[in-house]
Structures are given as C-alpha cells and as structure tokens.
Protein backbone atom coordinates (compact mmCIF):
# COMPACT_ATOMS: atom_id res chain seq x y z
CA MET A 1 -82.94 -32.73 -14.97
CA LYS A 2 -81.30 -30.33 -12.20
CA ALA A 3 -79.26 -33.31 -11.22
CA ARG A 4 -77.88 -34.08 -14.75
CA LEU A 5 -76.91 -30.07 -15.41
CA LEU A 6 -75.08 -29.87 -12.25
CA TYR A 7 -72.95 -32.79 -13.16
CA PRO A 8 -71.35 -31.16 -16.09
CA VAL A 9 -70.68 -28.27 -13.99
CA LYS A 10 -68.86 -30.48 -11.24
CA ILE A 11 -66.65 -32.11 -14.04
CA ALA A 12 -65.88 -28.65 -15.47
CA PHE A 13 -64.90 -27.21 -11.73
CA ALA A 14 -62.85 -30.34 -10.99
CA LEU A 15 -60.90 -29.93 -14.49
CA LEU A 16 -60.40 -26.16 -13.92
CA SER A 17 -58.89 -27.06 -10.31
CA LEU A 18 -56.75 -29.59 -12.08
CA PHE A 19 -55.46 -26.94 -14.51
CA VAL A 20 -54.51 -24.78 -11.63
CA MET A 21 -52.97 -27.41 -9.56
CA LEU A 22 -50.80 -28.53 -12.60
CA GLN A 23 -49.74 -24.87 -13.46
CA GLY A 24 -48.30 -24.60 -9.86
CA CYS A 25 -46.37 -27.85 -10.43
CA GLY A 26 -44.37 -26.61 -12.99
CA LEU A 27 -46.26 -26.58 -16.57
CA ASN A 28 -45.44 -22.81 -16.75
CA ARG A 29 -42.02 -23.76 -18.06
CA SER A 30 -40.27 -24.61 -21.06
CA VAL A 31 -37.00 -25.91 -22.11
CA LYS A 32 -35.02 -24.61 -25.21
CA GLU A 33 -31.72 -24.11 -26.70
CA VAL A 34 -29.86 -20.90 -26.53
CA ALA A 35 -27.08 -19.39 -27.99
CA PHE A 36 -24.69 -17.45 -25.69
CA ILE A 37 -22.52 -14.84 -26.42
CA ILE A 38 -20.08 -13.96 -23.71
CA ASN A 39 -17.76 -10.43 -24.12
CA GLY A 40 -18.88 -10.49 -27.49
CA GLN A 41 -17.51 -14.32 -28.20
CA GLN A 42 -20.36 -16.54 -29.23
CA LEU A 43 -19.87 -20.19 -27.59
CA GLU A 44 -19.51 -22.97 -30.02
CA LYS A 45 -22.57 -24.95 -28.94
CA PRO A 46 -26.14 -23.88 -27.74
CA VAL A 47 -27.00 -24.49 -24.10
CA SER A 48 -30.24 -26.28 -23.16
CA VAL A 49 -31.93 -23.75 -20.50
CA VAL A 50 -35.10 -23.65 -18.47
CA ILE A 51 -37.62 -21.08 -18.60
CA ASP A 52 -39.10 -21.44 -15.26
CA ASP A 53 -42.29 -18.87 -14.61
CA GLY A 54 -40.64 -16.63 -16.96
CA THR A 55 -37.18 -17.06 -15.21
CA LEU A 56 -34.10 -18.08 -16.97
CA MET A 57 -32.38 -21.05 -15.44
CA VAL A 58 -29.07 -22.22 -16.46
CA ARG A 59 -27.42 -25.54 -15.56
CA ALA A 60 -24.66 -25.63 -13.06
CA SER A 61 -23.28 -28.33 -15.36
CA SER A 62 -23.16 -25.97 -18.39
CA ASP A 63 -19.65 -25.99 -17.93
CA GLN A 64 -18.69 -23.96 -21.05
CA ILE A 65 -20.52 -20.82 -19.83
CA TRP A 66 -19.02 -21.15 -16.24
CA LYS A 67 -15.65 -21.57 -17.63
CA GLU A 68 -15.77 -18.21 -19.71
CA LEU A 69 -17.15 -16.60 -16.62
CA GLY A 70 -14.64 -17.96 -14.27
CA MET A 71 -17.06 -19.53 -12.03
CA SER A 72 -17.12 -23.04 -9.90
CA ILE A 73 -20.84 -23.50 -8.55
CA VAL A 74 -21.50 -26.58 -6.58
CA GLU A 75 -24.14 -27.47 -3.83
CA TYR A 76 -23.26 -26.34 -0.48
CA ALA A 77 -22.69 -29.11 1.97
CA PRO A 78 -22.47 -28.69 5.56
CA PRO A 79 -19.14 -28.71 7.59
CA GLU A 80 -18.27 -32.31 9.06
CA SER A 81 -17.61 -30.56 12.33
CA SER A 82 -20.74 -28.90 14.21
CA SER A 83 -17.87 -26.23 15.51
CA VAL A 84 -17.15 -25.09 12.27
CA TYR A 85 -19.80 -23.01 10.49
CA TYR A 86 -17.30 -22.03 7.74
CA SER A 87 -13.90 -21.90 6.56
CA ASP A 88 -11.70 -19.19 4.73
CA GLN A 89 -14.56 -16.61 4.37
CA VAL A 90 -15.68 -13.52 6.52
CA ALA A 91 -19.25 -12.71 7.98
CA VAL A 92 -18.96 -9.11 7.94
CA LEU A 93 -21.32 -7.42 10.35
CA MET A 94 -22.85 -3.89 9.54
CA TYR A 95 -23.97 -1.48 11.89
CA HIS A 96 -25.30 2.35 12.32
CA GLN A 97 -26.22 3.83 15.39
CA LEU A 98 -26.72 2.39 18.80
CA VAL A 99 -29.43 3.59 21.45
CA ASP A 100 -30.57 3.26 24.90
CA GLN A 101 -33.93 1.94 24.31
CA PRO A 102 -35.66 0.18 20.98
CA ASP A 103 -37.96 2.42 18.75
CA LYS A 104 -40.28 0.58 16.46
CA THR A 105 -40.42 3.34 14.15
CA LYS A 106 -36.65 3.32 13.60
CA PRO A 107 -35.62 -0.17 13.70
CA HIS A 108 -32.09 0.70 12.49
CA LEU A 109 -31.43 1.80 15.61
CA LEU A 110 -30.09 -0.85 17.90
CA PRO A 111 -30.61 -1.02 21.53
CA VAL A 112 -27.51 -1.11 23.41
CA ASP A 113 -28.31 -4.11 25.02
CA GLN A 114 -29.23 -6.33 21.92
CA PHE A 115 -25.95 -5.22 20.79
CA GLU A 116 -24.01 -6.84 23.74
CA GLN A 117 -25.99 -9.94 23.32
CA GLN A 118 -24.82 -10.36 20.00
CA MET A 119 -21.26 -9.96 21.17
CA LYS A 120 -21.68 -12.38 23.91
CA LEU A 121 -23.32 -14.82 21.75
CA LEU A 122 -20.50 -14.67 19.03
CA LYS A 123 -18.08 -15.69 21.93
CA GLU A 124 -20.14 -18.13 23.33
CA ARG A 125 -21.06 -20.02 19.93
CA GLY A 126 -17.33 -20.02 18.64
CA PHE A 127 -17.27 -17.23 16.18
CA HIS A 128 -13.76 -15.24 16.23
CA VAL A 129 -13.79 -11.39 15.63
CA ILE A 130 -10.94 -10.38 13.49
CA SER A 131 -9.53 -6.76 13.03
CA MET A 132 -9.45 -4.72 9.48
CA ASP A 133 -5.80 -5.14 9.58
CA GLU A 134 -6.47 -9.39 9.64
CA TYR A 135 -8.87 -8.80 7.04
CA VAL A 136 -6.99 -6.78 4.57
CA ASP A 137 -3.95 -9.41 5.05
CA PHE A 138 -6.44 -11.98 4.37
CA MET A 139 -7.78 -10.56 1.37
CA THR A 140 -4.67 -8.84 -0.05
CA GLY A 141 -1.90 -11.00 1.11
CA GLY A 142 -3.14 -14.55 1.34
CA ALA A 143 -2.75 -14.77 4.89
CA ALA A 144 -5.20 -17.34 6.72
CA ILE A 145 -8.19 -16.45 9.04
CA PRO A 146 -9.58 -18.69 11.77
CA ASP A 147 -12.79 -20.48 10.89
CA ASN A 148 -15.94 -18.59 11.52
CA ALA A 149 -14.18 -14.99 10.76
CA VAL A 150 -16.50 -11.68 11.97
CA LEU A 151 -15.42 -8.44 11.11
CA LEU A 152 -17.46 -5.62 12.75
CA THR A 153 -17.90 -2.55 10.99
CA PHE A 154 -20.04 0.69 11.78
CA ASP A 155 -21.12 3.28 9.31
CA ASP A 156 -21.86 6.98 9.53
CA GLY A 157 -19.20 7.57 12.46
CA TYR A 158 -22.29 8.33 15.40
CA GLU A 159 -20.98 9.17 18.60
CA THR A 160 -22.69 6.61 20.03
CA PHE A 161 -20.14 4.05 18.64
CA TYR A 162 -17.70 5.77 21.55
CA THR A 163 -20.55 6.22 24.05
CA HIS A 164 -22.16 3.06 23.48
CA ALA A 165 -20.40 0.20 21.50
CA PHE A 166 -17.00 0.77 22.58
CA PRO A 167 -17.08 0.11 25.96
CA ILE A 168 -18.78 -3.04 25.13
CA LEU A 169 -16.36 -3.81 22.18
CA GLN A 170 -13.56 -3.71 25.21
CA LYS A 171 -15.45 -5.78 27.29
CA PHE A 172 -15.70 -8.37 24.86
CA GLY A 173 -11.98 -8.27 23.65
CA TYR A 174 -13.16 -7.31 20.09
CA THR A 175 -12.19 -4.36 17.60
CA ALA A 176 -14.53 -2.82 14.75
CA THR A 177 -14.30 -0.37 11.88
CA ASN A 178 -16.11 2.50 11.72
CA PHE A 179 -16.43 3.96 8.16
CA VAL A 180 -17.14 7.89 8.64
CA ILE A 181 -18.42 10.70 6.61
CA VAL A 182 -15.46 12.92 6.91
CA ALA A 183 -16.81 15.98 6.24
CA SER A 184 -19.60 15.61 8.82
CA ILE A 185 -16.85 15.44 11.60
CA ASP A 186 -14.84 18.38 9.95
CA ASN A 187 -18.26 20.23 10.29
CA GLN A 188 -20.29 19.14 12.94
CA THR A 189 -24.29 19.49 12.30
CA GLY A 190 -27.45 17.54 13.47
CA LYS A 191 -27.08 14.07 14.93
CA PRO A 192 -23.47 13.99 17.62
CA LYS A 193 -20.90 12.72 15.35
CA LEU A 194 -17.48 11.15 16.72
CA SER A 195 -14.34 13.75 17.10
CA TRP A 196 -11.29 13.49 15.84
CA ASP A 197 -9.88 13.20 19.59
CA GLN A 198 -12.35 10.47 19.90
CA MET A 199 -11.22 8.49 17.26
CA ARG A 200 -7.51 8.93 18.37
CA GLU A 201 -8.26 7.28 21.75
CA MET A 202 -10.23 4.56 20.25
CA LYS A 203 -7.54 3.61 17.47
CA GLN A 204 -5.15 3.33 20.44
CA ALA A 205 -7.31 0.68 21.58
CA GLY A 206 -7.47 -1.09 18.59
CA MET A 207 -10.19 0.28 16.07
CA SER A 208 -9.78 1.34 13.04
CA PHE A 209 -11.64 3.97 11.05
CA TYR A 210 -12.15 4.66 7.50
CA SER A 211 -13.95 6.49 4.49
CA HIS A 212 -17.39 6.64 3.78
CA THR A 213 -16.48 9.45 1.60
CA TYR A 214 -15.85 13.45 2.23
CA ASN A 215 -19.12 14.38 1.43
CA SER A 216 -21.11 12.39 -0.90
CA HIS A 217 -23.14 10.19 1.42
CA ARG A 218 -25.99 12.21 -0.18
CA GLN A 219 -28.52 11.81 -3.34
CA GLY A 220 -28.27 14.46 -6.07
CA PRO A 221 -30.71 15.47 -8.82
CA ILE A 222 -29.99 13.37 -11.95
CA ASN A 223 -32.41 15.12 -14.54
CA ALA A 224 -34.49 18.45 -14.61
CA THR A 225 -37.65 16.55 -13.08
CA GLY A 226 -35.32 16.60 -9.77
CA LYS A 227 -35.09 13.00 -9.70
CA GLU A 228 -32.31 12.04 -7.24
CA LYS A 229 -29.69 8.99 -6.99
CA PRO A 230 -27.01 8.58 -5.11
CA MET A 231 -24.31 10.94 -5.96
CA LEU A 232 -20.97 9.14 -5.91
CA SER A 233 -22.70 6.97 -8.75
CA ARG A 234 -24.51 9.00 -10.85
CA HIS A 235 -23.76 12.15 -13.14
CA LEU A 236 -25.41 15.05 -11.23
CA TYR A 237 -27.69 17.35 -13.15
CA LEU A 238 -26.38 20.98 -12.91
CA LYS A 239 -29.94 23.06 -12.73
CA ASP A 240 -28.02 26.77 -12.71
CA GLN A 241 -26.84 25.43 -16.27
CA ASP A 242 -29.68 23.30 -17.18
CA ARG A 243 -27.29 19.94 -18.02
CA ILE A 244 -25.92 16.81 -16.74
CA GLU A 245 -22.11 16.95 -15.80
CA THR A 246 -19.75 15.74 -18.32
CA ASP A 247 -17.79 12.26 -17.80
CA GLU A 248 -14.97 14.54 -16.97
CA GLU A 249 -16.59 17.02 -14.53
CA TYR A 250 -18.43 13.92 -12.93
CA ILE A 251 -14.79 12.17 -12.43
CA GLY A 252 -13.33 15.12 -11.20
CA ARG A 253 -16.06 15.22 -8.53
CA ILE A 254 -15.94 12.12 -7.00
CA THR A 255 -11.85 11.91 -6.88
CA GLY A 256 -11.68 15.12 -4.99
CA ASP A 257 -14.44 13.65 -2.69
CA LEU A 258 -12.83 10.48 -1.92
CA ALA A 259 -9.13 11.93 -2.42
CA THR A 260 -10.05 14.45 0.18
CA ALA A 261 -11.37 11.61 2.42
CA GLU A 262 -8.00 10.12 2.44
CA LYS A 263 -5.77 12.96 3.09
CA ARG A 264 -8.11 14.07 6.33
CA LEU A 265 -7.77 10.29 7.74
CA ARG A 266 -4.18 10.50 7.08
CA GLU A 267 -3.67 13.84 8.52
CA GLU A 268 -5.74 13.14 11.41
CA LEU A 269 -5.16 9.67 12.51
CA GLY A 270 -2.28 8.75 10.71
CA ASN A 271 -3.89 6.28 8.22
CA THR A 272 -1.65 4.18 6.03
CA ARG A 273 -4.48 2.08 4.31
CA SER A 274 -7.36 3.17 2.19
CA ILE A 275 -10.49 1.74 2.39
CA VAL A 276 -14.19 3.01 1.24
CA ALA A 277 -17.73 2.17 1.83
CA PHE A 278 -19.82 3.15 -0.37
CA PRO A 279 -22.84 5.26 0.94
CA TYR A 280 -26.23 3.11 -0.20
CA GLY A 281 -23.97 0.49 -1.51
CA ALA A 282 -23.89 2.59 -4.97
CA TYR A 283 -21.24 2.50 -7.27
CA ASN A 284 -20.07 1.90 -11.24
CA GLN A 285 -17.13 1.06 -13.41
CA ASP A 286 -15.98 4.94 -13.04
CA VAL A 287 -15.65 4.40 -9.31
CA LEU A 288 -13.92 1.55 -9.11
CA ARG A 289 -11.32 2.99 -11.93
CA VAL A 290 -11.08 5.79 -9.50
CA LEU A 291 -10.60 3.59 -6.60
CA ASP A 292 -7.76 1.90 -8.20
CA THR A 293 -5.94 5.56 -8.98
CA LEU A 294 -6.24 6.75 -5.19
CA ASN A 295 -4.76 3.38 -4.69
CA ILE A 296 -8.15 2.42 -2.16
CA GLU A 297 -7.47 -1.11 -2.02
CA LEU A 298 -10.54 -2.84 -0.91
CA SER A 299 -14.43 -1.44 -0.51
CA PHE A 300 -17.65 -2.37 0.95
CA THR A 301 -21.20 -2.85 0.02
CA ILE A 302 -24.48 -3.35 1.71
CA LYS A 303 -25.48 -6.47 -0.27
CA PRO A 304 -25.56 -9.22 2.14
CA GLY A 305 -23.59 -12.36 1.55
CA MET A 306 -20.24 -14.45 2.88
CA THR A 307 -17.16 -12.44 1.65
CA GLY A 308 -14.53 -14.40 0.35
CA ARG A 309 -10.85 -13.60 -1.15
CA GLU A 310 -12.02 -12.73 -4.61
CA ASP A 311 -14.64 -10.39 -3.35
CA ARG A 312 -12.90 -6.97 -3.37
CA ASN A 313 -16.60 -5.05 -2.75
CA ALA A 314 -17.16 -6.91 0.51
CA PHE A 315 -20.65 -8.07 1.14
CA ARG A 316 -22.26 -7.08 4.66
CA PHE A 317 -25.10 -8.68 6.83
CA ASN A 318 -26.94 -5.87 8.33
CA ALA A 319 -26.70 -6.53 12.09
CA GLY A 320 -27.99 -3.12 13.20
CA THR A 321 -31.57 -3.69 13.25
CA ILE A 322 -34.37 -4.42 15.77
CA LYS A 323 -35.97 -6.65 13.06
CA GLN A 324 -33.60 -9.54 13.85
CA THR A 325 -32.92 -10.93 17.24
CA PRO A 326 -29.63 -11.91 18.43
CA GLU A 327 -30.37 -15.42 18.40
CA GLU A 328 -31.73 -14.96 14.58
CA LEU A 329 -28.58 -13.26 13.73
CA ILE A 330 -26.23 -16.12 15.17
CA LYS A 331 -28.46 -18.74 13.18
CA LEU A 332 -28.03 -16.68 10.05
CA LEU A 333 -24.13 -16.73 10.75
CA SER A 334 -23.85 -20.81 11.52
CA GLU A 335 -25.79 -21.66 8.44
CA GLY A 336 -22.97 -20.02 6.43
CA GLY A 337 -24.71 -16.74 5.96
CA TYR A 338 -27.92 -18.21 3.96
CA THR A 339 -30.89 -15.71 4.21
CA LYS A 340 -33.60 -17.88 2.93
CA LYS A 341 -35.12 -21.02 4.51
CA LYS A 342 -34.99 -23.74 1.92
CA LYS A 343 -38.01 -25.68 0.09
CA ASP A 344 -37.61 -28.88 -0.48
CA ASN A 345 -36.36 -28.94 -3.90
CA GLU A 346 -34.31 -25.87 -3.45
CA VAL A 347 -30.14 -25.66 -3.40
CA ARG A 348 -27.74 -23.88 -1.35
CA VAL A 349 -24.83 -23.40 -3.58
CA ARG A 350 -21.33 -22.46 -3.13
CA ILE A 351 -19.66 -20.06 -6.23
CA ASN A 352 -15.80 -20.14 -6.39
CA GLY A 353 -15.74 -21.62 -2.79
CA LYS A 354 -18.08 -19.11 -1.56
CA ASN A 355 -21.79 -19.39 0.19
CA VAL A 356 -23.83 -17.17 -2.06
CA ASN A 357 -27.24 -15.69 -1.23
CA PHE A 358 -30.25 -15.44 -3.57
CA THR A 359 -32.48 -13.44 -2.16
CA LYS A 360 -35.59 -13.61 -4.78
CA LYS A 361 -35.51 -16.76 -7.26
CA GLN A 362 -33.47 -19.86 -5.31
CA PRO A 363 -31.46 -22.67 -7.13
CA ILE A 364 -33.31 -25.51 -7.64
CA ARG A 365 -32.44 -29.25 -7.87
CA GLU A 366 -34.03 -31.02 -11.40
CA GLU A 367 -32.87 -34.38 -12.47
CA GLY A 368 -29.50 -34.59 -10.67
CA ASP A 369 -28.83 -30.89 -11.80
CA ILE A 370 -29.17 -27.90 -10.27
CA LEU A 371 -30.72 -25.05 -11.89
CA ILE A 372 -29.34 -21.49 -11.01
CA PRO A 373 -31.38 -18.19 -11.56
CA LEU A 374 -29.02 -16.53 -14.15
CA ARG A 375 -30.48 -12.96 -13.69
CA GLU A 376 -30.07 -12.56 -10.29
CA LEU A 377 -26.72 -14.52 -10.57
CA CYS A 378 -25.40 -11.81 -12.94
CA LYS A 379 -26.92 -8.83 -10.58
CA MET A 380 -24.54 -10.26 -7.31
CA TYR A 381 -21.19 -10.48 -9.57
CA SER A 382 -22.17 -7.12 -11.86
CA ILE A 383 -22.35 -9.10 -15.03
CA GLU A 384 -24.42 -7.51 -17.71
CA ILE A 385 -26.95 -9.58 -19.01
CA ASN A 386 -29.02 -8.93 -22.23
CA TRP A 387 -31.71 -11.87 -22.92
CA ASN A 388 -33.29 -11.80 -26.42
CA ASN A 389 -36.09 -14.37 -25.81
CA SER A 390 -37.27 -14.17 -29.68
CA GLN A 391 -33.82 -14.58 -31.13
CA ASN A 392 -32.66 -17.37 -28.43
CA THR A 393 -29.57 -15.39 -27.51
CA VAL A 394 -28.16 -14.19 -24.42
CA ALA A 395 -25.43 -12.04 -23.99
CA LEU A 396 -23.51 -11.96 -20.97
CA LYS A 397 -20.43 -8.89 -20.32
CA THR A 398 -18.58 -9.41 -17.26
CA THR A 399 -17.59 -5.25 -17.19
CA PRO A 400 -19.24 -4.13 -13.45
CA VAL A 401 -22.53 -2.66 -14.15
CA ALA A 402 -23.62 0.49 -11.93
CA GLU A 403 -25.09 -0.66 -8.52
CA ASP A 404 -26.80 2.58 -7.54
CA SER A 405 -30.40 1.78 -5.77
CA PRO A 406 -30.85 2.89 -2.28
CA ALA A 407 -30.68 0.93 0.47
CA ASP A 408 -33.77 -0.82 1.79
CA PRO A 409 -35.19 0.48 5.18
CA GLY A 410 -33.08 -0.27 7.80
CA SER A 411 -29.57 -0.37 5.84
CA ASP A 412 -27.21 2.19 4.79
CA GLY A 413 -28.44 5.57 4.17
CA VAL A 414 -31.63 5.72 6.60
CA SER A 415 -30.26 8.41 8.59
CA SER A 416 -29.38 12.04 7.49
CA PRO A 417 -25.55 12.50 8.40
C-alpha cells in the first residue's frame, strides 16, 4: 500500500522537475507582431519580436527598424591578424588617483606599480597610445589612427598625476589627459590637487588638460526632501525659495559653469580646444546644446565600451581599479573591449562598425538570426523607448535623454574633490 502511494508522488515530482527544466530552456518566451513608431512615424508593417523572460528582443534582420535608426548590426568576427585587436576605434582608459600601496577598502585608488605594469603591457602587447590631439583629429577631422589605439585619461586633477603618473608616462613615451575640476585648482582644499605651474610643465612634455567642469562635480538637491542628483544634468531645488530652478536659471547656471572652466583653461594653459568629461558621466539634451553654444567639440562619459568616430560622447573603460589586474585589462582590450564572458548562444555584435558591450541581457543567436535586447540598446544610444505590451506598440525617439545615474563604486565621483 505504501509503495503504491509513493509511486504517484514520484511521478508528480518528476513532472515538476521537468517543468522547471523546460522553463529554464526557454518556454518563458513568446513571439508576437508589434507596431513600431519611430520619431512619430509608424512603420508600414508590424515587426516580429521575441519576448524573452520579459525582455523585448528584436532581430538583427529587422532592417526597417535599423534603417530608421541609422544603425547597421552585424556579428563580431575576430580580426584575421593576431596582432590587430581592433581598428578605427579607440579604447579610452579612465583613471583617478594613484597611490603607493593598495587599499582594499578603496578599490578606486590604483597602486603605482600596477599602473606601471599596465603601461608596460600596453607596449609589449602591441597597443598604441595616442594623444588627445590625435584623438580629436580622428573624431572630427577624419584622420587615421593606428590599430589598437588607446587614449589615457585621468579625472579630477589630483596631484598624484604629477608625482606618480607623469614619471611613468615619460618612461614609456606616453601622453595622457587630465580632466580637472577647475575650481578646485583655483581654490585648493582637501586632497592635494595639481597646480597651474605643474600643468604648464607637463603640457610642455605632451600632457593635456581639459574641463571636468568648473564647480559642478557635485550632487545637489532636486526636491524638498533633499534627494540629490548630479547638478550638471538636473534642475536644482532652491531651498530658500522653496522651488525648482526654472529652465532659464538651469541653462544659465550650467552655461556659466562650463564657460568659466574654458576661460580659466585658456588663461592659464593657452588651450585652443574645448573638451569636457561629464562628472558622474551625467548629461542630458540641454547639456549637449550648451556644449554646442560654447564650441565644446567632444565629451567623455564613464560608460564602458569602444569609441568610434560617431561617438561624440566617448565611452571609457575604468582602468584605475584594483578589482582588475593588469593582465585582465589587457585581455579586455585584446578581445575588442567586450566586458562579458560569452555563453554558448550569446553573440558579440558590432553596431555601425564598432564593438558594442551589452552589460545586462546579451544578444543571442536563434535560427540563423541575432536577437538584440532593445531596451539596453536604446539606453546605450540615448534612444527613448516606450513599450506598450497591451497595445502591441513600441515607440522610439532618437532625441538624447538624460544620463544622470551616479557612478558605481570605483568609477567617477567616488572621491570628493
């Protein structure tokens, strides 16, 4: 009797296990026809999409979508030459402070010996460090750059750039750029910053210095509760007046800040080009318009990825962290900047000729096609997306949207000026 009772229990358990296994194998997905509206215009025909665990996936072969967005998506193929990792792209590396000894509680402080090992491996493994002038000519003038091009950048203007990084850069014949918080150079407080004299000396040796804003490398209140966001990209709450800045006040504030930084850099260093690195990587459409009015031609974010000619807002890899060994950094660059390990059905892709990193949901191969996670792609390319699942519509708008999420630990903004 007991055996007869156990048998159906075992069957039920086996069926439950099979159901769970099948769910993991992709039953939690559906295929449907969706109407796409791009910049207010609906495409003539619905597009077949895949909903995979709640993620909207669009086929790389859906030409009508990519044509409207001005995108070409192909699968990444490793270069035929083992010594060429990538071409017509730049791997921009981001650093902050260098220190003598590692501190596990502060992973964003890179030990000087680890930095020197990175520089050594760049040279040994066939990478070519380019100057900011070469980068600008590549981005705006159509100039060629060497294969495996690398641009070295530092943020915040810490004095360790002069005392620790500069001697190593000279040893290897490299140049680098430091994006300085100009107000903290003019009015020194807290951790030691570069002086104008030190910058002038290093500029003679090929280093360059550009804006990290004048005094907007801070977070400010955006409402009465005191919630704070990066102040360059948000309207601030004016506590004494119990209101939010008007559009006019906001534009005036950020224009004045960015213009003052450029003025001081011209006065002290004789800069003839205007370039900015966004604090916390935060910007919005208003910021981009202000850059245009001030003739600030290029900008830098903190998003990881390779940078191509079309990327006015450059991507940057965080190389200034002890969480990554020098060998791991070189491996990352030699694999075309792809930061995620590829699983069996995952695909690495190139968009408009550039290697692109998907950090959450990865593109996958299915039935001879490639499925692209649309929401993450839209975030990377500042495309506004509105997916109405009940009405089977997806609206896309290519006007840049705000990028104002504070940086992760170990990235920009981890240390106070």
